[in-house]
Protein backbone atom coordinates (compact mmCIF):
# COMPACT_ATOMS: atom_id res chain seq x y z
CA MET A 1 77.71 158.35 90.54
CA ILE A 2 77.06 154.62 90.11
CA GLU A 3 73.77 155.38 88.36
CA HIS A 4 75.55 157.59 85.81
CA ILE A 5 78.12 154.87 85.15
CA THR A 6 75.42 152.25 84.61
CA THR A 7 73.52 154.49 82.19
CA ALA A 8 76.76 154.94 80.22
CA PHE A 9 77.06 151.16 80.03
CA VAL A 10 73.46 150.98 78.77
CA LEU A 11 74.45 153.33 75.94
CA LEU A 12 77.40 151.11 75.04
CA ALA A 13 75.17 148.02 75.11
CA TYR A 14 72.68 149.79 72.84
CA LEU A 15 75.45 150.62 70.37
CA ALA A 16 76.51 146.96 70.34
CA PHE A 17 72.89 146.00 69.67
CA ALA A 18 72.47 148.71 67.02
CA SER A 19 75.67 147.62 65.25
CA LYS A 20 74.41 144.05 65.00
CA ARG A 21 70.94 145.14 63.91
CA LEU A 22 72.43 147.45 61.26
CA LEU A 23 74.17 144.42 59.73
CA THR A 24 70.82 142.61 59.57
CA TYR A 25 69.18 145.50 57.74
CA MET A 26 72.25 146.14 55.59
CA HIS A 27 72.06 142.56 54.34
CA ALA A 28 68.64 143.27 52.81
CA PHE A 29 69.69 146.78 51.72
CA GLN A 30 72.62 145.30 49.78
CA GLN A 31 70.37 142.75 48.05
CA GLU A 32 68.03 145.60 47.09
CA GLU A 33 71.07 147.29 45.50
CA TYR A 34 71.02 150.20 48.00
CA ASP A 35 67.71 151.39 46.59
CA ASN A 36 66.06 153.35 49.42
CA GLY A 37 62.53 152.95 48.07
CA ARG A 38 62.74 149.22 47.48
CA PHE A 39 64.40 148.66 50.87
CA LEU A 40 61.70 150.60 52.74
CA ALA A 41 59.00 148.80 50.75
CA TRP A 42 60.58 145.48 51.79
CA ILE A 43 60.51 146.52 55.45
CA PHE A 44 56.85 147.56 55.39
CA ARG A 45 55.74 144.66 53.18
CA HIS A 46 57.26 142.05 55.48
CA LYS A 47 56.85 144.08 58.69
CA VAL A 48 60.53 143.79 59.53
CA PHE A 49 60.32 145.93 62.64
CA ASP A 50 61.67 145.12 66.07
CA THR A 51 59.20 143.53 68.48
CA ARG A 52 61.44 141.44 70.70
CA MET A 53 63.64 144.20 72.13
CA SER A 54 60.77 146.67 72.21
CA LEU A 55 58.67 144.25 74.27
CA LEU A 56 61.52 143.78 76.72
CA LEU A 57 61.89 147.55 77.03
CA ILE A 58 58.17 147.92 77.75
CA ILE A 59 58.47 145.32 80.52
CA ILE A 60 61.61 146.94 81.93
CA GLY A 61 59.98 150.39 81.73
CA GLY A 62 57.00 149.16 83.71
CA ALA A 63 59.26 147.55 86.28
CA SER A 64 61.28 150.77 86.61
CA LEU A 65 58.29 152.35 88.34
CA ILE A 66 58.76 150.06 91.32
CA VAL A 67 62.47 149.08 91.26
CA PRO A 68 65.59 151.22 91.77
CA PRO A 69 67.11 152.91 88.66
CA LEU A 70 70.24 150.78 89.09
CA ALA A 71 68.19 147.58 88.60
CA SER A 72 66.35 148.86 85.53
CA ASN A 73 69.62 150.07 84.00
CA PHE A 74 71.16 146.67 84.53
CA ALA A 75 68.11 144.94 83.00
CA THR A 76 68.23 147.25 79.94
CA PHE A 77 71.98 146.68 79.59
CA ALA A 78 71.53 142.89 79.78
CA ALA A 79 68.60 142.89 77.33
CA PHE A 80 70.52 144.81 74.65
CA LEU A 81 73.52 142.50 74.93
CA LEU A 82 71.37 139.36 75.01
CA ILE A 83 69.42 140.24 71.85
CA ALA A 84 72.61 141.33 70.08
CA TYR A 85 74.36 138.10 71.00
CA PHE A 86 71.60 135.83 69.65
CA GLU A 87 70.80 137.81 66.49
CA LYS A 88 72.11 136.00 63.40
CA ASP A 89 75.16 137.46 61.74
CA PRO A 90 74.47 137.84 57.97
CA ARG A 91 78.20 137.83 57.31
CA LYS A 92 78.23 134.19 58.37
CA GLU A 93 74.64 132.85 58.37
CA ALA A 94 72.95 133.52 55.04
CA LYS A 95 72.60 132.03 51.57
CA LYS A 96 74.19 135.09 50.06
CA LYS A 97 76.31 136.48 52.85
CA LEU A 98 76.62 140.19 53.53
CA ALA A 99 79.73 141.44 51.73
CA LEU A 100 81.54 144.07 53.78
CA THR A 101 82.44 146.21 50.80
CA ASN A 102 83.89 149.67 51.14
CA ARG A 103 80.46 151.09 50.38
CA VAL A 104 78.92 149.07 53.21
CA LYS A 105 81.56 150.32 55.62
CA ARG A 106 81.09 153.91 54.46
CA THR A 107 77.32 153.65 55.01
CA LEU A 108 77.48 151.92 58.39
CA THR A 109 79.94 154.40 59.95
CA PRO A 110 77.76 157.54 59.86
CA ALA A 111 74.69 155.45 60.68
CA ILE A 112 76.16 154.27 63.98
CA ILE A 113 77.39 157.78 64.80
CA ILE A 114 73.94 159.27 64.20
CA LEU A 115 72.30 156.52 66.27
CA ALA A 116 74.75 157.17 69.11
CA LEU A 117 74.02 160.90 69.11
CA LEU A 118 70.26 160.34 69.03
CA ALA A 119 70.49 157.80 71.85
CA ILE A 120 72.34 160.04 74.34
CA PRO A 121 69.16 161.71 75.69
CA ASN A 122 67.79 158.26 76.58
CA ILE A 123 70.35 158.11 79.38
CA PHE A 124 68.31 160.70 81.27
CA LEU A 125 64.86 159.31 80.43
CA MET A 126 62.78 156.24 81.21
CA PRO A 127 63.73 152.84 79.65
CA TRP A 128 60.73 153.21 77.35
CA SER A 129 62.54 155.98 75.47
CA TRP A 130 65.00 153.41 74.07
CA ILE A 131 62.16 151.95 71.96
CA ILE A 132 62.36 154.94 69.62
CA SER A 133 66.11 154.43 69.16
CA VAL A 134 65.52 150.75 68.40
CA GLN A 135 62.82 151.39 65.81
CA LEU A 136 64.82 154.16 64.13
CA ILE A 137 67.69 151.88 63.08
CA PRO A 138 66.56 150.99 59.50
CA PHE A 139 65.53 154.57 58.81
CA ILE A 140 68.88 155.93 59.96
CA LEU A 141 70.52 153.43 57.58
CA VAL A 142 68.49 154.96 54.74
CA LEU A 143 69.40 158.46 55.94
CA SER A 144 73.09 157.55 55.95
CA ASN A 145 72.77 156.23 52.39
CA MET A 146 71.09 159.48 51.34
CA LEU A 147 73.77 161.62 52.99
CA LEU A 148 76.47 159.68 51.16
CA SER A 149 74.69 159.64 47.80
CA MET A 150 76.81 162.39 46.23
CA THR A 151 80.01 160.82 47.55
CA GLU A 152 78.99 157.39 46.28
CA LYS A 153 78.04 158.83 42.91
CA LYS A 154 81.45 160.47 42.57
CA ILE A 155 83.26 157.29 43.58
CA GLN A 156 81.21 155.25 41.11
CA ASN A 157 81.73 157.79 38.34
CA ASP A 158 85.49 157.73 38.94
CA PHE A 159 85.56 153.93 38.78
CA MET A 160 83.38 153.89 35.66
CA GLN A 161 85.55 156.49 33.94
CA GLU A 162 88.61 154.37 34.71
CA ALA A 163 86.79 151.37 33.17
CA LYS A 164 85.77 153.40 30.10
CA ASN A 165 89.35 154.54 29.59
CA LYS A 166 90.58 150.97 29.83
CA ILE A 167 88.00 149.79 27.28
CA GLN A 168 89.08 152.57 24.93
CA ASP A 169 92.77 151.76 25.32
CA LEU A 170 92.47 147.98 24.93
CA ASN A 171 89.64 148.09 22.37
CA PRO A 172 88.38 144.47 22.58
CA LYS A 173 85.47 143.40 20.39
CA ILE A 174 82.48 143.80 22.71
CA ILE A 175 79.41 141.58 22.40
CA ALA A 176 76.57 142.66 24.69
CA ILE A 177 73.68 140.38 25.67
CA THR A 178 70.37 141.30 27.26
CA GLY A 179 66.92 139.77 27.58
CA SER A 180 64.33 138.89 30.19
CA PHE A 181 65.81 135.41 30.39
CA GLY A 182 68.47 133.31 28.65
CA LYS A 183 71.18 135.99 28.63
CA THR A 184 73.50 134.25 31.10
CA SER A 185 73.18 130.95 29.23
CA VAL A 186 73.85 132.55 25.83
CA LYS A 187 76.87 134.31 27.36
CA HIS A 188 78.18 131.01 28.68
CA ILE A 189 77.72 129.24 25.32
CA LEU A 190 79.12 132.08 23.20
CA GLY A 191 82.05 132.60 25.56
CA HIS A 192 82.99 128.95 25.22
CA ILE A 193 82.91 129.18 21.42
CA LEU A 194 84.93 132.39 21.31
CA ARG A 195 87.63 131.01 23.61
CA THR A 196 88.51 128.52 20.87
CA GLN A 197 89.39 131.51 18.66
CA GLY A 198 91.19 133.83 21.06
CA ALA A 199 91.41 135.15 24.62
CA THR A 200 87.86 135.93 25.78
CA LEU A 201 86.58 137.61 28.93
CA ILE A 202 82.94 137.19 29.96
CA THR A 203 81.24 138.84 32.91
CA PRO A 204 81.06 136.09 35.56
CA GLY A 205 77.89 134.52 36.94
CA SER A 206 74.95 136.89 36.74
CA VAL A 207 77.01 140.08 36.99
CA ASN A 208 75.10 142.58 34.83
CA THR A 209 74.98 145.93 36.66
CA PRO A 210 77.11 149.05 36.04
CA MET A 211 79.31 148.63 39.08
CA GLY A 212 79.60 144.85 38.66
CA ILE A 213 80.74 145.25 35.06
CA THR A 214 83.02 148.14 36.04
CA ARG A 215 84.77 145.93 38.56
CA VAL A 216 85.27 143.15 35.99
CA ILE A 217 86.84 145.62 33.56
CA ARG A 218 89.11 147.20 36.16
CA GLU A 219 90.28 143.92 37.68
CA ASP A 220 90.17 141.33 34.87
CA LEU A 221 90.29 142.88 31.40
CA ASN A 222 93.78 142.94 29.87
CA GLU A 223 95.51 143.51 26.54
CA SER A 224 95.36 139.80 25.60
CA HIS A 225 91.56 139.74 25.44
CA ARG A 226 90.26 139.70 21.89
CA TYR A 227 86.60 139.41 22.89
CA PHE A 228 84.64 140.80 25.83
CA VAL A 229 81.15 139.33 26.30
CA VAL A 230 79.02 141.51 28.55
CA GLU A 231 75.71 140.56 30.13
CA MET A 232 73.47 143.60 30.58
CA GLY A 233 70.57 143.70 33.04
CA ALA A 234 67.62 146.07 32.65
CA TYR A 235 66.17 147.35 35.93
CA GLY A 236 64.23 150.22 34.41
CA PRO A 237 64.14 152.47 31.34
CA GLY A 238 67.64 153.71 30.48
CA SER A 239 69.48 150.86 32.24
CA ILE A 240 70.78 149.29 29.03
CA ALA A 241 71.65 152.67 27.49
CA ARG A 242 73.83 153.47 30.52
CA LEU A 243 75.59 150.12 30.27
CA CYS A 244 76.21 150.67 26.56
CA ALA A 245 77.86 153.99 27.41
CA LEU A 246 80.18 152.06 29.74
CA THR A 247 80.95 149.22 27.30
CA PRO A 248 80.05 150.34 23.74
CA PRO A 249 79.06 147.08 22.01
CA ASN A 250 80.16 146.13 18.50
CA MET A 251 77.41 143.53 18.42
CA GLY A 252 74.25 142.94 20.45
CA ILE A 253 72.12 139.90 21.31
CA ILE A 254 68.54 140.15 22.62
CA THR A 255 67.28 136.80 23.88
CA ALA A 256 63.71 137.34 25.05
CA ILE A 257 61.09 139.74 26.33
CA GLY A 258 59.21 138.33 29.30
CA HIS A 259 57.96 138.87 32.82
CA ALA A 260 61.32 138.78 34.63
CA HIS A 261 61.59 142.07 36.61
CA TYR A 262 58.13 142.92 35.23
CA GLU A 263 57.21 144.82 38.40
CA ARG A 264 59.92 147.37 37.61
CA PHE A 265 58.45 148.20 34.18
CA GLY A 266 54.67 147.95 34.44
CA THR A 267 53.91 146.79 30.87
CA MET A 268 55.45 144.38 28.42
CA GLU A 269 55.86 147.16 25.87
CA ASN A 270 58.01 149.00 28.41
CA VAL A 271 60.09 145.85 28.86
CA ALA A 272 60.49 145.59 25.08
CA GLN A 273 61.61 149.20 24.75
CA ALA A 274 64.13 148.80 27.57
CA LYS A 275 65.68 145.68 26.02
CA TYR A 276 65.86 147.25 22.57
CA GLU A 277 67.98 150.11 23.91
CA LEU A 278 70.80 147.66 23.15
CA ALA A 279 69.75 147.36 19.50
CA GLU A 280 69.54 151.14 19.13
CA ASP A 281 73.02 151.61 20.54
CA VAL A 282 74.59 148.90 18.37
CA LEU A 283 72.87 150.27 15.27
CA SER A 284 74.30 153.73 16.00
CA ARG A 285 77.71 152.17 15.25
CA LYS A 286 76.44 150.12 12.30
CA GLY A 287 76.90 146.92 14.26
CA LYS A 288 75.03 143.63 13.93
CA VAL A 289 72.05 142.78 16.15
CA ILE A 290 71.07 139.15 16.74
CA VAL A 291 67.61 138.67 18.26
CA HIS A 292 65.14 135.91 18.91
CA GLU A 293 62.03 136.01 16.78
CA ARG A 294 59.77 136.18 19.85
CA THR A 295 61.18 139.63 20.72
CA LEU A 296 59.61 140.99 17.51
CA ARG A 297 56.07 140.40 18.73
CA TYR A 298 56.01 143.95 20.10
CA ASP A 299 55.60 147.12 18.09
CA HIS A 300 58.77 148.98 19.12
CA PRO A 301 61.23 146.13 18.40
CA ARG A 302 59.49 145.32 15.14
CA HIS A 303 59.74 148.96 13.98
CA ILE A 304 63.48 149.03 14.74
CA ARG A 305 64.06 145.76 12.89
CA ASP A 306 61.94 146.78 9.90
CA THR A 307 63.84 150.05 9.46
CA ASN A 308 67.27 148.42 9.93
CA SER A 309 66.73 144.94 8.53
CA HIS A 310 70.18 144.81 6.90
CA PHE A 311 71.82 144.87 10.34
CA PHE A 312 69.56 142.25 11.94
CA THR A 313 69.78 138.48 12.19
CA VAL A 314 66.69 136.84 13.64
CA CYS A 315 66.68 133.35 15.17
CA GLY A 316 63.43 131.48 15.59
CA GLU A 317 61.38 128.38 15.00
CA SER A 318 59.75 127.34 11.75
CA PHE A 319 56.22 128.60 11.20
CA ASP A 320 53.86 126.87 13.64
CA PRO A 321 50.14 127.75 13.62
CA GLN A 322 49.99 126.93 17.35
CA ILE A 323 52.59 129.64 18.05
CA HIS A 324 52.11 132.08 15.18
CA LYS A 325 48.50 133.01 14.45
CA THR A 326 49.29 134.02 10.87
CA LYS A 327 52.33 133.88 8.63
CA GLU A 328 52.52 137.67 8.94
CA GLU A 329 53.29 137.14 12.64
CA HIS A 330 56.23 134.89 11.81
CA TYR A 331 59.15 137.28 11.48
CA LEU A 332 61.86 135.14 9.90
CA THR A 333 63.20 135.84 6.42
CA LYS A 334 65.33 133.63 4.17
CA ASP A 335 68.47 135.37 5.49
CA ASP A 336 67.67 134.55 9.11
CA LEU A 337 68.39 131.46 11.20
CA GLU A 338 65.54 128.97 11.32
CA ILE A 339 65.41 126.47 14.19
CA LEU A 340 63.99 123.34 12.56
CA ASP A 341 63.79 121.20 15.70
CA VAL A 342 65.39 120.66 19.10
CA GLU A 343 65.56 117.20 20.64
CA GLN A 344 66.66 116.27 24.15
CA LEU A 345 68.77 113.11 24.01
CA VAL A 346 69.92 111.19 27.07
CA ASP A 347 73.07 113.23 27.61
CA GLU A 348 72.97 116.05 25.05
CA LEU A 349 70.85 118.36 22.95
CA GLU A 350 70.51 118.07 19.19
CA VAL A 351 69.64 121.33 17.46
CA ASN A 352 68.88 121.29 13.74
CA ILE A 353 68.96 124.65 12.03
CA ASN A 354 68.73 126.21 8.61
CA TRP A 355 71.16 129.10 8.08
CA LYS A 356 70.79 130.88 4.74
CA GLU A 357 69.41 127.74 3.12
CA LYS A 358 72.14 125.49 4.50
CA PHE A 359 71.39 122.76 7.06
CA TYR A 360 73.44 122.32 10.26
CA SER A 361 73.06 119.76 13.02
CA LEU A 362 74.48 121.07 16.30
CA ARG A 363 75.07 118.96 19.39
CA ALA A 364 75.96 120.11 22.90
CA PRO A 365 76.01 118.28 26.26
CA LEU A 366 73.30 120.50 27.73
CA PHE A 367 69.81 119.85 29.08
CA GLY A 368 66.55 121.68 28.43
CA LEU A 369 64.92 122.36 25.07
CA HIS A 370 65.16 126.12 25.55
CA HIS A 371 68.96 125.82 25.43
CA GLY A 372 68.47 124.89 21.77
CA HIS A 373 67.38 128.48 21.19
CA ASN A 374 70.32 129.79 23.23
CA ILE A 375 72.68 127.66 21.12
CA ALA A 376 71.11 129.06 17.94
CA LEU A 377 71.65 132.65 19.10
CA ALA A 378 75.28 131.91 20.01
CA PHE A 379 75.83 130.12 16.66
CA ALA A 380 74.45 133.06 14.67
CA THR A 381 76.60 135.51 16.62
CA ALA A 382 79.75 133.46 16.12
CA ILE A 383 79.01 133.24 12.38
CA GLU A 384 78.62 137.03 12.19
CA LEU A 385 81.98 137.33 13.96
CA GLY A 386 83.53 135.36 11.08
CA ILE A 387 84.04 132.00 12.78
CA ASP A 388 83.83 128.91 10.58
CA PRO A 389 80.62 126.88 11.24
CA GLU A 390 82.62 123.66 11.60
CA PHE A 391 84.73 125.22 14.35
CA ILE A 392 81.53 126.28 16.11
CA LYS A 393 80.09 122.77 15.88
CA THR A 394 83.28 121.29 17.35
CA ALA A 395 83.37 123.82 20.18
CA LEU A 396 79.75 123.11 21.15
CA LYS A 397 80.51 119.42 21.70
CA SER A 398 82.83 120.25 24.61
CA ILE A 399 80.78 122.95 26.34
CA PRO A 400 80.43 122.43 30.11
CA GLN A 401 77.01 122.52 31.74
CA ILE A 402 75.82 125.95 32.79
CA PRO A 403 75.90 126.18 36.62
CA HIS A 404 72.44 126.28 38.22
CA ARG A 405 70.64 126.51 34.88
CA LEU A 406 69.19 123.05 34.25
CA GLU A 407 72.46 121.53 35.41
CA VAL A 408 71.94 117.75 35.66
CA LYS A 409 73.86 116.21 38.57
CA PRO A 410 73.77 112.43 39.20
CA GLN A 411 74.06 111.75 42.94
CA ALA A 412 75.91 109.03 44.82
CA ASP A 413 72.63 107.71 46.29
CA GLY A 414 71.23 106.85 42.84
CA THR A 415 69.05 109.94 42.47
CA THR A 416 69.54 112.78 39.99
CA ILE A 417 69.31 116.51 40.72
CA ILE A 418 68.26 119.01 38.04
CA ASP A 419 69.67 122.24 39.43
CA ASP A 420 67.73 125.18 38.02
CA ALA A 421 68.29 127.37 41.07
CA TYR A 422 68.85 130.59 39.11
CA ASN A 423 65.65 130.40 37.10
CA SER A 424 62.79 132.79 37.83
CA ASN A 425 60.57 133.14 34.78
CA PRO A 426 57.42 131.32 33.57
CA THR A 427 58.93 130.05 30.31
CA GLY A 428 61.99 128.57 32.02
CA PHE A 429 59.83 127.00 34.74
CA ALA A 430 57.73 125.22 32.11
CA MET A 431 60.83 124.04 30.23
CA ALA A 432 62.34 122.69 33.45
CA LEU A 433 59.22 120.68 34.22
CA ASP A 434 59.27 119.27 30.70
CA LEU A 435 62.91 118.26 31.14
CA LEU A 436 62.05 116.52 34.41
CA ASN A 437 59.44 114.51 32.53
CA THR A 438 61.75 113.78 29.57
CA LEU A 439 64.71 112.60 31.66
CA THR A 440 62.48 110.31 33.71
CA GLU A 441 61.16 108.74 30.52
CA LYS A 442 64.64 108.31 29.04
CA GLN A 443 66.63 107.31 32.14
CA ASN A 444 64.33 105.44 34.49
CA LYS A 445 60.59 105.21 33.93
CA ASN A 446 60.18 103.79 37.45
CA GLY A 447 61.80 106.85 39.02
CA ARG A 448 59.57 109.47 40.58
CA LYS A 449 59.48 113.10 39.49
CA ILE A 450 60.03 115.41 42.46
CA LEU A 451 59.86 119.20 42.38
CA ILE A 452 61.22 121.59 45.02
CA THR A 453 60.32 125.23 44.42
CA PRO A 454 59.54 128.53 46.16
CA GLY A 455 58.05 129.88 42.93
CA MET A 456 59.18 132.92 40.98
CA VAL A 457 59.86 136.54 41.92
CA GLU A 458 59.44 140.03 40.46
CA LEU A 459 56.46 139.15 38.27
CA GLY A 460 54.38 142.12 39.41
CA GLY A 461 50.73 141.85 38.41
CA ALA A 462 51.42 138.57 36.58
CA HIS A 463 52.44 136.83 39.85
CA ASP A 464 49.19 134.98 40.60
CA LYS A 465 48.35 133.96 37.04
CA ALA A 466 51.90 132.78 36.26
CA HIS A 467 52.03 130.67 39.41
CA HIS A 468 48.59 129.18 38.77
CA THR A 469 49.75 128.10 35.30
CA ALA A 470 53.01 126.69 36.71
CA GLY A 471 51.09 124.84 39.42
CA ARG A 472 48.79 123.19 36.88
CA HIS A 473 51.81 122.16 34.80
CA ALA A 474 53.54 120.73 37.88
CA GLY A 475 50.41 118.82 38.85
CA LYS A 476 50.38 117.05 35.50
CA ILE A 477 54.06 116.02 35.67
CA CYS A 478 55.32 115.73 39.25
CA ASP A 479 54.67 112.84 41.60
CA ILE A 480 55.81 114.85 44.62
CA THR A 481 56.06 118.64 44.95
CA ILE A 482 57.65 120.42 47.90
CA VAL A 483 56.65 124.09 48.09
CA VAL A 484 58.99 126.39 50.00
CA ASN A 485 57.39 129.42 51.69
CA PRO A 486 53.90 128.51 50.41
CA ASP A 487 52.26 131.75 51.61
CA ARG A 488 53.96 133.52 48.67
CA ILE A 489 52.34 131.35 46.00
CA PRO A 490 48.84 130.16 46.98
CA THR A 491 47.74 130.11 43.33
CA PHE A 492 50.52 127.63 42.51
CA ILE A 493 49.13 125.29 45.15
CA ASP A 494 45.59 125.76 43.81
CA GLY A 495 46.79 125.00 40.27
CA PHE A 496 48.67 121.89 41.43
CA TYR A 497 45.60 120.40 43.09
CA GLU A 498 43.51 121.08 39.97
CA THR A 499 45.61 118.72 37.83
CA GLY A 500 47.56 116.66 40.39
CA THR A 501 44.76 114.56 41.82
CA GLY A 502 46.17 111.90 44.14
CA LYS A 503 49.67 113.35 44.03
CA THR A 504 51.67 114.62 46.99
CA LEU A 505 52.26 118.27 47.85
CA VAL A 506 54.31 119.19 50.92
CA GLU A 507 54.55 122.72 52.33
CA VAL A 508 57.72 123.80 54.17
CA LYS A 509 59.14 127.09 55.40
CA SER A 510 62.68 126.91 54.02
CA PHE A 511 65.02 125.01 51.72
CA ALA A 512 66.62 123.42 54.78
CA ASP A 513 63.21 121.97 55.71
CA ALA A 514 62.73 120.85 52.10
CA ALA A 515 66.05 118.99 52.19
CA ASP A 516 65.00 117.23 55.39
CA ARG A 517 61.67 116.15 53.93
CA LEU A 518 63.31 115.01 50.70
CA SER A 519 65.74 112.79 52.61
CA ASP A 520 62.77 111.09 54.25
CA PHE A 521 61.20 109.75 51.07
CA LYS A 522 63.63 109.87 48.13
CA ARG A 523 64.73 106.57 46.60
CA VAL A 524 67.04 105.25 43.87
CA GLY A 525 66.00 106.42 40.41
CA ASP A 526 64.15 109.53 41.53
CA ILE A 527 64.84 112.76 39.66
CA VAL A 528 64.60 115.96 41.70
CA LEU A 529 64.10 119.36 40.09
CA LEU A 530 65.30 122.30 42.18
CA GLU A 531 63.44 125.16 40.51
CA ASN A 532 64.61 128.58 41.66
CA ASP A 533 66.21 129.49 44.96
CA LEU A 534 64.87 132.60 46.66
CA PRO A 535 67.26 135.29 47.85
CA ASP A 536 67.31 135.87 51.61
CA ILE A 537 65.05 138.93 51.25
CA TYR A 538 62.27 136.64 49.96
CA GLU A 539 62.78 133.50 52.03
CA ARG A 540 64.67 134.33 55.22
CA ILE A 541 62.79 137.34 56.50
CA PRO A 542 64.45 138.40 59.79
CA LYS A 543 62.32 137.75 62.86
CA LEU A 544 63.13 140.69 65.10
């Protein structure tokens, strides 16, 4: 009788353990956007399987051969509770905490029920049998997600239809923005300009997925909004087309075609086609498309522009033989916006442009030369929306810095932080290093240039080459570089040592360790560049 009671308590302890472990896996599953394939790939790539509890169960199973069942049951019970108690709770201890959304709750409920049913036979078997139940946990989470797929699809479709109906009823002017990088910054700049003309809603932060945009529409869009600026992310062919069906854009902006999310597409031509789904949708409604000249260096975009040139405005730099091999590869016409030069001043950017043979000098309190191109795209869009150029110039002078995108933050201890935590592309990395160099020259030539970075993500086959190039660039500029999670980016370290002879490189496991090391040697006048901040699924791999 007592033995049966203790085995029942073991089952309860296992369920407590499984519930906690499900949260750990769900945290990664949520960051992988509930994609079963990507989640399983993450598990196998980082070997996120249980070893701690399994080892204890092996020891307890061996001991059960020589000790009474009551003792082994108690040991198994205690082990499950002990591991569950000390396992970190991703709802509280994470950079991006696990959000207990309704979808998460719907997925966890059947998962724990299935695990409970599968665990019942273990009551009558040796302690070793619990190892299977422990190792099954992430796979049962995937199974639960699969079982609920039709339900989730219906729920999402209902929400999206509600959002579509609201868009149709309120009929704001929709400006959609996509690109491998720069889209959030252009959204921020354009949104600020448009707010001087009328009520404007922009998708917050980096929200750019169907359900994220749906939620913004359902909860925030109202009849007062004249403009709705939507950031659109491409996570595969058809992504942008689906978002356009949700929020049919009157105007589209395409900022860049680059290696961000490259691993999801395979080739740069595929990236270009995916981004230009926005242009095709806007053109179907005879709307205007504003693009950066660099996006036209691929066949598909160039064909679309050439056959619809009347609806296109292209923004780009003046002809430069170092950038454009021939004049035929420089895709600006006299009706486009020409960026004459961009200069980083001490506390603002100066962007000189030529728009239809008229000169404009634009100033904005932003940092980073690439923001000059973002400003140009926003300026051209605002012009096409009928806003007076002088109003645009005035609005730009009061624009706030863009959070975590080359955001310059003077510190109380006399140092300066350049916060570029949301950057993850080779072009932006290079621009950030150049800004670090420029600000040091302009603000305090005696200050040291310090870089903290874990590198970039989702570069696919370009990962090693891009990091080697970034490392060489960092070696030329930075006095001190702190590399977070160095095993991810060995080519960055190799590149740094190739050009950074005599300079300091420190390897640490986490950003917390980087902060500790920085506090040891920073001094007044130093400028610290925080370049990219890895999500938990890249930096804080659970140790189970």
